[in-house]
């Protein structure tokens, strides 16, 4: 399987430093600054699907909306945390340092930003749908998607799916 977007991921990973009015509005509403790599990913591809499996949420998409889907995911986690607090050792957004969903999979896995430091340094927590186990990646969102799409991501939660960069 080929995907011409793969080579574009790393080619546009450099920060232009330009603030965009629509991002300013989103970040004001969320009351948090989002990572530059995530914003570049959305600016390039919008709410995107990778390997017909991993779906990146966007604040500008109706179906894969960052705010709406994120709220649904976090509301469920808050309810589960009441019953199984030991399965939720980290705070949930908008709590300080909380988990903020930014991608989901067809298996029900969720990728969360851990919002505990400078946004461009936020790691990603990957958690399966019915398990307290999780793993943390320190790759930027674009590099994480790139590695996932090429089957290079080391994960015990996400499957290995290999795509070929397209021409």
Foldseek 3Di string as FASTA:
>chain_A
DADQCLVVLVVQQDAPPDDDPVQVVVCVVQVHRAARSLVSVCVVANFDDAPVWKTFAHCPDDPRHQVPVQVVVVVVVVVVCVVVVVLDPAADPPPAQHWRWGMATPQGKTWTFRRHDPNNQTWIWIDGHPDSDIDIGRDGPSVQSSCQAQQNDDDPHDDRDHHHNDD
